[in-house]
Amino acid sequence: MGYMSQKDLQYTAERLASAKVGIASSVPFRNMLMPLPQLRKAGVEVLTGNDNVQDHWGPLVVAICCKSKPCCATLWL
């Protein structure tokens, strides 16, 4: 969804919201940033988190979610 045009994103977000489909996203990597604010504005329930202990911020370090989540939150402010 991060690569969709604004028109396609708006259309898709409205359809997701009307179908009551939510989106779960994790910390982005590279230049891929999910359009979470636009999805929320359209009424889509948005959740962030992770399903494992992989640390994209430092793959050779033990994952510490309390350190990576604040970084994630600042991306959409």
Protein backbone atom coordinates (compact mmCIF):
# COMPACT_ATOMS: atom_id res chain seq x y z
CA MET A 1 0.00 0.00 0.00
CA GLY A 2 2.96 2.30 0.51
CA TYR A 3 3.53 2.41 -3.25
CA MET A 4 -0.10 3.05 -4.30
CA SER A 5 -1.21 6.31 -5.87
CA GLN A 6 -3.27 8.57 -3.60
CA LYS A 7 -6.37 7.87 -5.70
CA ASP A 8 -5.95 4.09 -5.47
CA LEU A 9 -5.10 4.30 -1.78
CA GLN A 10 -8.22 6.33 -1.01
CA TYR A 11 -10.41 3.90 -2.97
CA THR A 12 -8.86 0.87 -1.26
CA ALA A 13 -9.03 2.44 2.21
CA GLU A 14 -12.72 3.26 1.79
CA ARG A 15 -13.46 -0.30 0.70
CA LEU A 16 -11.48 -1.75 3.61
CA ALA A 17 -13.31 0.50 6.06
CA SER A 18 -16.74 -0.38 4.67
CA ALA A 19 -15.89 -4.10 4.90
CA LYS A 20 -14.57 -3.58 8.46
CA VAL A 21 -11.16 -4.97 7.53
CA GLY A 22 -8.30 -3.80 9.73
CA ILE A 23 -4.60 -3.54 8.92
CA ALA A 24 -1.72 -4.76 11.09
CA SER A 25 1.70 -3.37 10.24
CA SER A 26 5.18 -3.73 11.67
CA VAL A 27 8.15 -1.42 11.85
CA PRO A 28 8.95 -0.46 8.24
CA PHE A 29 12.22 -1.14 6.56
CA ARG A 30 14.03 0.51 3.70
CA ASN A 31 11.82 3.14 2.07
CA MET A 32 8.55 1.26 2.58
CA LEU A 33 6.26 3.24 4.87
CA MET A 34 2.66 2.13 5.25
CA PRO A 35 0.13 4.98 4.86
CA LEU A 36 -1.28 4.49 8.36
CA PRO A 37 -2.59 8.06 8.82
CA GLN A 38 -4.54 7.88 5.55
CA LEU A 39 -5.99 4.49 6.46
CA ARG A 40 -7.09 5.73 9.89
CA LYS A 41 -8.62 8.84 8.36
CA ALA A 42 -10.71 6.62 6.07
CA GLY A 43 -11.94 4.65 9.09
CA VAL A 44 -9.70 1.57 8.85
CA GLU A 45 -8.65 0.10 12.19
CA VAL A 46 -4.84 0.16 12.26
CA LEU A 47 -2.57 -1.80 14.59
CA THR A 48 1.21 -1.92 14.80
CA GLY A 49 3.42 -4.51 16.38
CA ASN A 50 5.50 -7.53 15.62
CA ASP A 51 5.03 -11.28 15.74
CA ASN A 52 8.57 -12.32 16.61
CA VAL A 53 11.77 -11.06 18.18
CA GLN A 54 13.50 -10.07 14.95
CA ASP A 55 15.03 -6.63 15.32
CA HIS A 56 15.09 -4.78 11.98
CA TRP A 57 16.91 -1.88 13.61
CA GLY A 58 19.85 -4.10 14.58
CA PRO A 59 19.63 -7.68 13.24
CA LEU A 60 22.69 -8.82 15.23
CA VAL A 61 21.36 -7.47 18.52
CA VAL A 62 18.80 -8.97 20.89
CA ALA A 63 15.43 -7.43 20.03
CA ILE A 64 14.16 -4.93 22.59
CA CYS A 65 10.68 -3.79 21.55
CA CYS A 66 10.66 -0.91 24.03
CA LYS A 67 13.51 0.69 22.09
CA SER A 68 12.21 0.17 18.54
CA LYS A 69 8.55 1.12 19.06
CA PRO A 70 9.23 4.79 19.93
CA CYS A 71 11.27 5.02 16.72
CA CYS A 72 8.36 3.52 14.80
CA ALA A 73 5.90 5.96 16.35
CA THR A 74 7.90 9.01 15.27
CA LEU A 75 7.62 8.02 11.59
CA TRP A 76 3.95 8.98 11.43
CA LEU A 77 3.99 12.13 13.58
